[in-house]
């Protein structure tokens, strides 16, 4: 979502995939009816601070954060939205007024709010709870579209790998001490995780493909999904075949362990200190790649999922149901859950981050792990992730890096020139070195202030503010969100275009 896209949506007006709410001081009472309807239909754009006729009134400054917190907490409260669904919100400054934007994707499940099921059409949100046939059709469509919901009525509790249940209880307890799985039977746990459903086509109940993939015995998984496997390959010396390989054909919990073990075996670690906490950069980056390979794969397709460590990069590939169709920009994308039930299960046991934050963490930490590089995530029929790796990694290197060291290592100005090439040169010629350095720091640290930039490049704050004003007027940079809580966005299209404004 960009400011231009927001403007287009406002001009387009309300419709089957666009809904306005005033929400000047608080959420409208019917906001979650629209969210529920979008989840059940084809997804849509919810914009707060706008009247039904498209006139922007804005959200009061002091109320913005409370409204965002309300959206996030309510979306994760089964009393408000059942089943819960992760949503994120962004704040835009439009005509000097705050506008809150929420992208609501289509869900693989049927949702209700306050016990009522809503569906979207051209005229708005409709309560279809009592329309039995429409509700049944909705369940059937979700089951057909999302392969994780496929029901296997003859799978029994004994077909699951029971030693995994105690393990996932421990993992969930590590995330939240009072997690309810601790006191549930194995059968109740599967049901509470949404892994047991009713087939509205056959009238039968049964465990889902998601449940089988997560916790099923190996022979049951192969029976339900014969092509299921993930190939982990090391290809550095023997580039025609491989130097090491793990052919993984087991449940997703143990698949995650084996993929991470393969990475830890062949890639060095580097510790990074954030405040008082030391973290593993390798794990922070590659847990997202591994998590995506397992969680967001389209399992109905036989395309073999691969994770390949090469001399200069780690490459992962898996079949996908694309939503964005192209390279992901971490500053401008709406995360879309491909297998929401599996994703939620992985999140509960701490194996993946909140939807969207994992990709952003990969961008954040990649330039520290391998200085001067950025990862690439491409959302097409085949989802590809590429994490650059330095050619001659020192396997014994294991030093602590501070936050300030990070900025020194990544050298914003050199990375900026590398990323934008000739256009960075044109920018410097047309607007001066100060403009280039300012944009380099904004690109590296979007939340940076004018005062901080001034100290970084040894210029007065007034000089920095004058250049920033000029760059904003030329639409080369833009401010996303409020003055205090927002961040800078380098207008990449303008920079990469042949002619700067």
Protein backbone atom coordinates (compact mmCIF):
# COMPACT_ATOMS: atom_id res chain seq x y z
CA UNK A 1 0.00 0.00 0.00
CA UNK A 2 1.33 3.43 -1.01
CA UNK A 3 -0.10 6.92 -0.64
CA UNK A 4 -1.01 6.83 -4.35
CA UNK A 5 -2.87 3.54 -3.94
CA UNK A 6 -4.74 4.95 -0.96
CA UNK A 7 -5.74 7.95 -3.04
CA UNK A 8 -7.02 5.63 -5.78
CA UNK A 9 -9.12 3.65 -3.28
CA UNK A 10 -10.63 6.84 -1.87
CA UNK A 11 -11.49 8.03 -5.37
CA UNK A 12 -12.91 4.62 -6.27
CA UNK A 13 -15.31 4.72 -3.33
CA UNK A 14 -16.98 1.94 -1.40
CA UNK A 15 -17.63 -1.34 -3.18
CA UNK A 16 -17.36 -5.06 -2.84
CA UNK A 17 -13.69 -4.81 -1.75
CA UNK A 18 -13.57 -1.32 -0.19
CA UNK A 19 -15.24 -0.17 3.04
CA UNK A 20 -15.01 3.23 4.76
CA UNK A 21 -15.59 3.87 8.48
CA UNK A 22 -15.51 7.26 10.21
CA UNK A 23 -13.89 6.04 13.47
CA UNK A 24 -12.75 9.52 14.49
CA UNK A 25 -12.55 8.65 18.19
CA UNK A 26 -13.13 4.88 18.30
CA UNK A 27 -13.96 1.88 16.12
CA UNK A 28 -17.44 1.87 14.64
CA UNK A 29 -19.60 -0.83 16.22
CA UNK A 30 -20.02 -2.62 12.89
CA UNK A 31 -16.31 -2.62 11.93
CA UNK A 32 -15.87 -6.32 12.65
CA UNK A 33 -18.92 -7.14 10.57
CA UNK A 34 -17.00 -5.77 7.58
CA UNK A 35 -13.81 -7.56 8.62
CA UNK A 36 -15.74 -10.83 9.00
CA UNK A 37 -17.42 -10.32 5.59
CA UNK A 38 -14.09 -9.63 3.85
CA UNK A 39 -12.51 -12.73 5.43
CA UNK A 40 -15.41 -14.88 4.27
CA UNK A 41 -15.55 -13.38 0.77
CA UNK A 42 -12.52 -12.39 -1.33
CA UNK A 43 -10.79 -9.98 1.03
CA UNK A 44 -10.85 -6.20 0.91
CA UNK A 45 -9.59 -2.81 2.04
CA UNK A 46 -10.86 -1.26 5.28
CA UNK A 47 -10.14 2.47 5.60
CA UNK A 48 -10.85 4.31 8.87
CA UNK A 49 -11.25 8.06 9.13
CA UNK A 50 -13.44 8.35 6.01
CA UNK A 51 -17.17 8.99 5.61
CA UNK A 52 -19.35 6.75 3.43
CA UNK A 53 -19.30 9.37 0.68
CA UNK A 54 -15.47 9.28 0.59
CA UNK A 55 -14.86 12.53 2.43
CA UNK A 56 -11.81 12.23 4.69
CA UNK A 57 -12.48 13.43 8.23
CA UNK A 58 -9.45 11.77 9.78
CA UNK A 59 -8.81 9.98 13.06
CA UNK A 60 -7.98 12.12 16.09
CA UNK A 61 -4.23 11.96 16.85
CA UNK A 62 -4.67 10.81 20.44
CA UNK A 63 -7.03 8.01 19.36
CA UNK A 64 -4.96 6.45 16.57
CA UNK A 65 -2.94 4.01 18.67
CA UNK A 66 -5.92 2.96 20.80
CA UNK A 67 -7.92 2.14 17.65
CA UNK A 68 -5.05 0.13 16.16
CA UNK A 69 -4.59 -1.76 19.43
CA UNK A 70 -8.34 -2.45 19.49
CA UNK A 71 -8.25 -3.89 15.96
CA UNK A 72 -5.29 -6.18 16.69
CA UNK A 73 -6.53 -7.41 20.08
CA UNK A 74 -10.14 -7.92 18.93
CA UNK A 75 -9.01 -9.85 15.84
CA UNK A 76 -7.24 -12.27 18.18
CA UNK A 77 -10.19 -12.54 20.60
CA UNK A 78 -12.49 -15.49 19.76
CA UNK A 79 -15.34 -13.67 21.52
CA UNK A 80 -15.03 -10.91 18.91
CA UNK A 81 -13.86 -12.86 15.85
CA UNK A 82 -14.12 -16.62 15.66
CA UNK A 83 -11.80 -18.17 14.69
CA UNK A 84 -9.29 -15.39 15.44
CA UNK A 85 -7.25 -13.94 12.59
CA UNK A 86 -4.06 -11.85 12.61
CA UNK A 87 -4.56 -8.34 11.22
CA UNK A 88 -2.20 -5.38 11.05
CA UNK A 89 -2.97 -1.71 10.51
CA UNK A 90 -1.02 1.18 8.98
CA UNK A 91 -1.40 4.91 9.49
CA UNK A 92 -1.25 7.32 6.55
CA UNK A 93 -1.24 11.09 6.58
CA UNK A 94 -3.73 12.20 3.93
CA UNK A 95 -4.46 15.89 3.46
CA UNK A 96 -2.88 16.45 6.91
CA UNK A 97 -5.34 14.00 8.50
CA UNK A 98 -4.74 10.53 9.94
CA UNK A 99 -6.19 7.63 7.97
CA UNK A 100 -5.90 4.04 9.25
CA UNK A 101 -5.66 1.35 6.58
CA UNK A 102 -6.26 -2.37 7.16
CA UNK A 103 -5.93 -4.96 4.42
CA UNK A 104 -8.17 -7.95 5.18
CA UNK A 105 -7.27 -11.01 3.05
CA UNK A 106 -9.56 -13.88 2.18
CA UNK A 107 -9.37 -16.55 4.88
CA UNK A 108 -9.32 -20.31 4.48
CA UNK A 109 -11.92 -20.58 7.22
CA UNK A 110 -15.49 -19.37 7.80
CA UNK A 111 -15.51 -16.58 10.40
CA UNK A 112 -18.21 -15.16 12.62
CA UNK A 113 -18.43 -12.08 14.84
CA UNK A 114 -20.59 -12.10 17.95
CA UNK A 115 -22.01 -15.44 16.77
CA UNK A 116 -23.06 -14.17 13.33
CA UNK A 117 -21.61 -15.03 9.92
CA UNK A 118 -21.29 -12.10 7.50
CA UNK A 119 -20.65 -12.14 3.75
CA UNK A 120 -19.77 -9.34 1.35
CA UNK A 121 -21.51 -8.19 -1.83
CA UNK A 122 -21.78 -4.93 -3.76
CA UNK A 123 -24.28 -3.51 -1.27
CA UNK A 124 -22.29 -4.16 1.90
CA UNK A 125 -22.08 -6.74 4.68
CA UNK A 126 -24.90 -9.28 5.02
CA UNK A 127 -25.74 -11.58 7.90
CA UNK A 128 -26.16 -15.06 6.35
CA UNK A 129 -26.15 -17.01 9.63
CA UNK A 130 -29.68 -18.37 9.15
CA UNK A 131 -29.26 -19.03 5.42
CA UNK A 132 -28.23 -22.67 5.75
CA UNK A 133 -27.59 -23.30 2.06
CA UNK A 134 -25.37 -20.23 1.63
CA UNK A 135 -23.39 -21.09 4.76
CA UNK A 136 -22.88 -24.66 3.48
CA UNK A 137 -21.73 -23.34 0.11
CA UNK A 138 -19.30 -21.01 1.86
CA UNK A 139 -17.77 -23.90 3.84
CA UNK A 140 -17.49 -25.97 0.66
CA UNK A 141 -15.73 -23.17 -1.22
CA UNK A 142 -13.23 -22.68 1.60
CA UNK A 143 -12.53 -26.41 1.75
CA UNK A 144 -12.03 -26.64 -2.01
CA UNK A 145 -9.86 -23.51 -2.30
CA UNK A 146 -7.58 -24.22 0.67
CA UNK A 147 -6.07 -27.69 0.53
CA UNK A 148 -5.18 -27.62 4.25
CA UNK A 149 -8.93 -27.94 4.98
CA UNK A 150 -9.37 -31.19 3.04
CA UNK A 151 -11.07 -33.70 5.34
CA UNK A 152 -10.01 -37.35 5.77
CA UNK A 153 -12.97 -39.04 7.51
CA UNK A 154 -11.20 -42.40 7.96
CA UNK A 155 -8.12 -41.05 9.73
CA UNK A 156 -8.16 -42.03 13.42
CA UNK A 157 -6.47 -40.61 16.50
CA UNK A 158 -4.07 -43.56 16.42
CA UNK A 159 -2.78 -42.31 13.03
CA UNK A 160 -1.05 -39.39 14.74
CA UNK A 161 2.48 -39.44 16.15
CA UNK A 162 1.61 -39.31 19.84
CA UNK A 163 5.12 -38.51 21.11
CA UNK A 164 4.79 -35.13 19.36
CA UNK A 165 1.83 -34.02 21.46
CA UNK A 166 3.78 -33.63 24.71
CA UNK A 167 6.49 -31.84 22.79
CA UNK A 168 4.17 -29.24 21.31
CA UNK A 169 2.57 -28.74 24.73
CA UNK A 170 6.01 -27.84 26.06
CA UNK A 171 6.69 -25.51 23.12
CA UNK A 172 3.33 -23.77 23.61
CA UNK A 173 3.96 -23.48 27.36
CA UNK A 174 7.29 -21.79 26.61
CA UNK A 175 5.35 -19.16 24.67
CA UNK A 176 2.59 -18.76 27.25
CA UNK A 177 2.67 -20.38 30.65
CA UNK A 178 -1.11 -20.83 30.92
CA UNK A 179 -1.66 -22.12 27.39
CA UNK A 180 -4.83 -24.28 27.47
CA UNK A 181 -3.30 -27.20 25.53
CA UNK A 182 -1.60 -28.28 28.78
CA UNK A 183 -4.86 -29.62 30.21
CA UNK A 184 -6.38 -31.02 27.02
CA UNK A 185 -6.45 -34.57 25.74
CA UNK A 186 -4.78 -35.19 22.38
CA UNK A 187 -8.17 -35.31 20.68
CA UNK A 188 -9.33 -32.04 22.27
CA UNK A 189 -6.04 -30.39 21.32
CA UNK A 190 -6.53 -31.32 17.66
CA UNK A 191 -10.08 -30.00 17.72
CA UNK A 192 -9.14 -26.74 19.46
CA UNK A 193 -6.40 -26.14 16.86
CA UNK A 194 -8.97 -26.37 14.04
CA UNK A 195 -7.60 -29.70 12.79
CA UNK A 196 -10.94 -31.53 12.97
CA UNK A 197 -13.80 -30.26 10.79
CA UNK A 198 -17.19 -31.11 9.32
CA UNK A 199 -17.41 -31.89 5.60
CA UNK A 200 -20.50 -30.04 4.36
CA UNK A 201 -20.45 -31.97 1.10
CA UNK A 202 -20.46 -35.52 2.46
CA UNK A 203 -21.86 -34.78 5.91
CA UNK A 204 -18.89 -36.56 7.52
CA UNK A 205 -16.53 -35.30 10.22
CA UNK A 206 -12.81 -35.87 10.10
CA UNK A 207 -9.25 -34.74 10.66
CA UNK A 208 -7.88 -32.33 8.08
CA UNK A 209 -4.82 -32.41 5.84
CA UNK A 210 -3.34 -29.69 8.07
CA UNK A 211 -3.61 -31.99 11.09
CA UNK A 212 -2.08 -34.93 9.21
CA UNK A 213 0.83 -32.80 7.96
CA UNK A 214 1.49 -31.30 11.38
CA UNK A 215 1.29 -34.39 13.59
CA UNK A 216 0.60 -37.46 11.45
CA UNK A 217 2.71 -40.60 11.28
CA UNK A 218 5.01 -40.74 8.27
CA UNK A 219 3.09 -43.54 6.55
CA UNK A 220 -0.20 -41.69 7.02
CA UNK A 221 1.27 -38.50 5.51
CA UNK A 222 2.58 -40.42 2.50
CA UNK A 223 -0.82 -42.09 2.04
CA UNK A 224 -2.67 -38.77 2.16
CA UNK A 225 -0.05 -36.84 0.16
CA UNK A 226 2.33 -39.19 -1.72
CA UNK A 227 4.41 -36.34 -3.21
CA UNK A 228 5.10 -34.69 0.16
CA UNK A 229 8.80 -33.99 0.75
CA UNK A 230 11.30 -31.21 1.30
CA UNK A 231 14.80 -31.49 -0.18
CA UNK A 232 17.68 -29.89 1.75
CA UNK A 233 20.80 -29.69 -0.43
CA UNK A 234 24.37 -28.42 0.01
CA UNK A 235 25.86 -27.63 -3.40
CA UNK A 236 29.23 -25.86 -3.19
CA UNK A 237 31.99 -28.18 -4.46
CA UNK A 238 29.93 -30.69 -6.40
CA UNK A 239 27.67 -28.30 -8.30
CA UNK A 240 26.39 -31.01 -10.67
CA UNK A 241 24.88 -33.06 -7.82
CA UNK A 242 25.43 -32.16 -4.17
CA UNK A 243 27.89 -32.29 -1.27
CA UNK A 244 25.27 -33.15 1.34
CA UNK A 245 21.55 -33.83 1.28
CA UNK A 246 18.59 -34.53 3.57
CA UNK A 247 15.47 -35.93 1.87
CA UNK A 248 12.75 -35.00 4.38
CA UNK A 249 9.42 -36.84 4.22
CA UNK A 250 7.98 -36.43 7.69
CA UNK A 251 5.60 -34.21 9.66
CA UNK A 252 6.04 -30.44 9.62
CA UNK A 253 7.21 -30.20 13.24
CA UNK A 254 10.16 -32.53 12.68
CA UNK A 255 10.68 -31.18 9.14
CA UNK A 256 11.32 -27.77 10.70
CA UNK A 257 13.88 -29.28 13.09
CA UNK A 258 15.73 -31.09 10.31
CA UNK A 259 15.85 -28.06 8.00
CA UNK A 260 17.18 -25.81 10.78
CA UNK A 261 19.71 -28.52 11.74
CA UNK A 262 20.88 -28.70 8.12
CA UNK A 263 21.39 -24.92 8.05
CA UNK A 264 23.20 -24.92 11.40
CA UNK A 265 25.45 -27.72 10.15
CA UNK A 266 26.59 -25.85 7.06
CA UNK A 267 26.33 -22.13 7.85
CA UNK A 268 28.21 -20.22 10.56
CA UNK A 269 26.51 -18.15 13.22
CA UNK A 270 27.11 -14.59 14.28
CA UNK A 271 25.69 -13.22 17.49
CA UNK A 272 24.05 -9.83 17.56
CA UNK A 273 23.27 -7.80 20.63
CA UNK A 274 20.00 -5.87 20.85
CA UNK A 275 20.01 -3.96 24.09
CA UNK A 276 20.86 -6.53 26.74
CA UNK A 277 19.79 -9.54 24.68
CA UNK A 278 22.11 -11.64 22.52
CA UNK A 279 20.42 -13.33 19.56
CA UNK A 280 21.48 -15.69 16.79
CA UNK A 281 21.44 -13.84 13.48
CA UNK A 282 21.47 -17.12 11.57
CA UNK A 283 18.37 -18.39 13.36
CA UNK A 284 16.53 -15.06 13.06
CA UNK A 285 17.02 -15.00 9.29
CA UNK A 286 16.62 -18.64 8.32
CA UNK A 287 13.72 -19.55 10.62
CA UNK A 288 11.64 -17.27 8.37
CA UNK A 289 12.82 -19.07 5.23
CA UNK A 290 12.19 -22.50 6.75
CA UNK A 291 8.87 -21.40 8.22
CA UNK A 292 7.69 -20.05 4.88
CA UNK A 293 8.76 -23.23 3.05
CA UNK A 294 6.63 -25.35 5.38
CA UNK A 295 3.78 -23.06 6.42
CA UNK A 296 2.87 -21.20 3.23
CA UNK A 297 3.38 -23.97 0.68
CA UNK A 298 0.53 -25.10 -1.57
CA UNK A 299 0.51 -28.79 -0.68
CA UNK A 300 -1.97 -29.81 -3.40
CA UNK A 301 0.77 -29.37 -6.03
CA UNK A 302 3.53 -31.97 -6.48
CA UNK A 303 6.27 -29.38 -7.16
CA UNK A 304 9.21 -30.49 -4.95
CA UNK A 305 10.08 -27.98 -2.23
CA UNK A 306 13.81 -27.29 -2.00
CA UNK A 307 16.25 -25.52 0.27
CA UNK A 308 19.66 -25.23 -1.41
CA UNK A 309 22.83 -23.82 0.15
CA UNK A 310 25.18 -22.61 -2.59
CA UNK A 311 28.48 -20.76 -2.56
CA UNK A 312 26.99 -17.27 -2.55
CA UNK A 313 23.40 -17.76 -1.44
CA UNK A 314 20.72 -19.87 0.17
CA UNK A 315 17.78 -20.51 -2.16
CA UNK A 316 14.40 -21.93 -1.20
CA UNK A 317 11.54 -22.80 -3.56
CA UNK A 318 8.04 -24.11 -2.98
CA UNK A 319 4.77 -24.16 -4.90
CA UNK A 320 2.54 -21.25 -4.01
CA UNK A 321 -0.83 -19.60 -4.45
CA UNK A 322 0.47 -16.12 -5.32
CA UNK A 323 -1.17 -13.05 -3.90
CA UNK A 324 1.31 -10.25 -4.60
CA UNK A 325 2.76 -11.58 -7.90
CA UNK A 326 6.26 -10.20 -7.80
CA UNK A 327 9.16 -9.21 -5.57
CA UNK A 328 8.07 -8.33 -2.02
CA UNK A 329 8.86 -4.84 -0.74
CA UNK A 330 9.05 -5.13 3.08
CA UNK A 331 7.99 -1.50 3.53
CA UNK A 332 4.96 -1.89 1.31
CA UNK A 333 3.20 -5.24 1.40
CA UNK A 334 0.17 -6.80 3.05
CA UNK A 335 0.95 -10.29 4.37
CA UNK A 336 -1.39 -13.02 3.16
CA UNK A 337 -1.70 -16.36 4.99
CA UNK A 338 -1.63 -19.23 2.49
CA UNK A 339 -2.40 -21.93 5.10
CA UNK A 340 -3.85 -19.98 8.06
CA UNK A 341 -4.52 -23.05 10.24
CA UNK A 342 -0.95 -24.37 9.87
CA UNK A 343 0.43 -20.83 10.30
CA UNK A 344 -1.51 -20.29 13.53
CA UNK A 345 -0.31 -23.66 14.90
CA UNK A 346 3.32 -22.76 14.15
CA UNK A 347 2.89 -19.37 15.78
CA UNK A 348 1.44 -20.91 18.95
CA UNK A 349 4.56 -23.05 19.39
CA UNK A 350 6.95 -20.18 18.61
CA UNK A 351 8.22 -21.48 15.29
CA UNK A 352 7.19 -18.44 13.22
CA UNK A 353 6.72 -14.74 13.93
CA UNK A 354 3.58 -12.67 13.53
CA UNK A 355 2.48 -12.69 9.90
CA UNK A 356 4.64 -10.23 7.96
CA UNK A 357 7.16 -9.50 10.72
CA UNK A 358 9.32 -12.48 9.73
CA UNK A 359 9.96 -11.07 6.26
CA UNK A 360 10.82 -7.68 7.76
CA UNK A 361 13.18 -9.34 10.25
CA UNK A 362 14.97 -11.10 7.39
CA UNK A 363 15.59 -7.74 5.69
CA UNK A 364 16.64 -6.23 8.99
CA UNK A 365 19.17 -8.91 9.93
CA UNK A 366 20.47 -10.03 6.52
CA UNK A 367 22.65 -6.94 6.06
CA UNK A 368 24.22 -7.65 9.45
CA UNK A 369 24.83 -11.35 8.84
CA UNK A 370 26.27 -10.69 5.37
CA UNK A 371 27.16 -6.95 5.24
CA UNK A 372 26.03 -4.99 2.21
CA UNK A 373 23.35 -7.46 1.09
CA UNK A 374 19.57 -7.67 1.04
CA UNK A 375 17.37 -10.77 0.68
CA UNK A 376 14.83 -11.30 -2.11
CA UNK A 377 11.38 -12.81 -1.65
CA UNK A 378 9.35 -13.40 -4.83
CA UNK A 379 5.65 -14.25 -4.60
CA UNK A 380 4.74 -16.10 -7.82
CA UNK A 381 3.51 -19.59 -8.70
CA UNK A 382 6.81 -20.74 -7.26
CA UNK A 383 7.66 -18.78 -4.11
CA UNK A 384 11.41 -18.09 -4.00
CA UNK A 385 13.54 -16.76 -1.19
CA UNK A 386 17.18 -15.84 -1.79
CA UNK A 387 19.45 -15.02 1.16
CA UNK A 388 22.91 -13.80 0.05
CA UNK A 389 25.90 -15.44 1.74
CA UNK A 390 29.45 -14.11 1.73
CA UNK A 391 31.79 -16.16 -0.50
CA UNK A 392 34.42 -17.14 2.05
CA UNK A 393 32.50 -17.46 5.29
CA UNK A 394 34.74 -17.93 8.31
CA UNK A 395 33.14 -20.90 10.06
CA UNK A 396 34.83 -19.96 13.31
CA UNK A 397 33.69 -16.34 13.29
CA UNK A 398 31.38 -15.72 16.22
CA UNK A 399 31.66 -12.17 17.48
CA UNK A 400 29.11 -9.87 19.09
CA UNK A 401 27.90 -6.87 17.11
CA UNK A 402 26.29 -3.87 18.72
CA UNK A 403 23.48 -1.83 17.23
CA UNK A 404 25.82 1.04 16.30
CA UNK A 405 28.27 -1.44 14.74
CA UNK A 406 25.42 -2.62 12.56
CA UNK A 407 25.03 0.79 10.94
CA UNK A 408 28.78 1.11 10.50
CA UNK A 409 29.01 -2.33 8.92
CA UNK A 410 26.12 -1.83 6.54
CA UNK A 411 27.45 1.58 5.40
CA UNK A 412 24.16 3.18 4.24
CA UNK A 413 25.67 5.41 1.54
CA UNK A 414 27.53 2.54 -0.20
CA UNK A 415 24.50 0.23 0.01
CA UNK A 416 22.28 3.02 -1.34
CA UNK A 417 24.57 3.50 -4.34
CA UNK A 418 24.77 -0.24 -4.90
CA UNK A 419 20.98 -0.61 -4.76
CA UNK A 420 20.08 2.34 -6.98
CA UNK A 421 23.16 2.56 -9.22
CA UNK A 422 23.03 5.20 -11.96
CA UNK A 423 19.89 6.76 -10.51
CA UNK A 424 21.73 7.44 -7.26
CA UNK A 425 24.36 9.25 -9.30
CA UNK A 426 21.65 11.30 -11.06
CA UNK A 427 20.10 12.15 -7.72
CA UNK A 428 23.44 13.37 -6.36
CA UNK A 429 24.11 15.48 -9.48
CA UNK A 430 20.66 17.06 -9.48
CA UNK A 431 20.04 17.59 -5.76
CA UNK A 432 23.49 17.38 -4.18
CA UNK A 433 25.40 15.06 -1.88
CA UNK A 434 23.31 16.06 1.15
CA UNK A 435 20.18 14.74 -0.54
CA UNK A 436 21.88 11.45 -1.34
CA UNK A 437 23.18 10.98 2.21
CA UNK A 438 19.81 11.90 3.73
CA UNK A 439 18.00 9.37 1.54
CA UNK A 440 20.62 6.71 2.24
CA UNK A 441 20.02 7.03 5.99
CA UNK A 442 16.24 7.06 5.51
CA UNK A 443 16.54 3.92 3.41
CA UNK A 444 18.64 2.22 6.11
CA UNK A 445 16.68 3.49 9.14
CA UNK A 446 13.16 4.58 8.11
CA UNK A 447 12.27 5.89 11.60
CA UNK A 448 15.35 8.15 11.78
CA UNK A 449 14.75 11.81 12.69
CA UNK A 450 16.14 14.93 11.02
CA UNK A 451 18.24 15.60 14.12
CA UNK A 452 19.75 12.10 13.98
CA UNK A 453 20.56 12.48 10.28
CA UNK A 454 22.23 15.82 11.02
CA UNK A 455 24.51 14.19 13.58
CA UNK A 456 25.30 11.28 11.22
CA UNK A 457 26.43 13.44 8.29
CA UNK A 458 27.73 16.39 10.37
CA UNK A 459 25.32 19.02 9.06
CA UNK A 460 22.98 21.43 10.83
CA UNK A 461 19.41 20.30 11.46
CA UNK A 462 18.05 23.30 9.56
CA UNK A 463 20.05 22.28 6.48
CA UNK A 464 18.69 18.74 6.72
CA UNK A 465 15.10 19.98 7.09
CA UNK A 466 15.43 22.23 4.02
CA UNK A 467 16.65 19.35 1.86
CA UNK A 468 13.92 17.05 3.23
CA UNK A 469 11.28 19.64 2.36
CA UNK A 470 12.59 19.87 -1.20
CA UNK A 471 12.70 16.07 -1.62
CA UNK A 472 9.14 15.76 -0.33
CA UNK A 473 7.94 18.43 -2.76
CA UNK A 474 9.56 16.49 -5.61
CA UNK A 475 7.90 13.27 -4.32
CA UNK A 476 11.26 11.53 -4.04
CA UNK A 477 10.56 10.75 -0.38
CA UNK A 478 7.33 10.56 1.53
CA UNK A 479 6.34 10.48 5.15
CA UNK A 480 4.18 7.48 6.04
CA UNK A 481 2.06 7.98 9.14
CA UNK A 482 2.14 10.79 11.68
CA UNK A 483 5.04 13.15 12.34
CA UNK A 484 5.89 11.44 15.63
CA UNK A 485 5.01 7.80 14.99
CA UNK A 486 5.53 7.50 11.24
CA UNK A 487 8.53 6.68 9.10
CA UNK A 488 10.29 7.75 5.89
CA UNK A 489 9.79 5.92 2.63
CA UNK A 490 12.15 6.39 -0.28
CA UNK A 491 9.99 6.61 -3.42
CA UNK A 492 11.77 3.77 -5.18
CA UNK A 493 9.84 4.08 -8.43
CA UNK A 494 10.90 7.69 -8.79
CA UNK A 495 14.53 6.89 -8.10
CA UNK A 496 14.64 3.88 -10.36
CA UNK A 497 12.88 5.68 -13.21
CA UNK A 498 15.01 7.14 -15.98
CA UNK A 499 13.88 10.69 -15.27
CA UNK A 500 13.82 12.08 -11.78
CA UNK A 501 11.06 14.61 -11.03
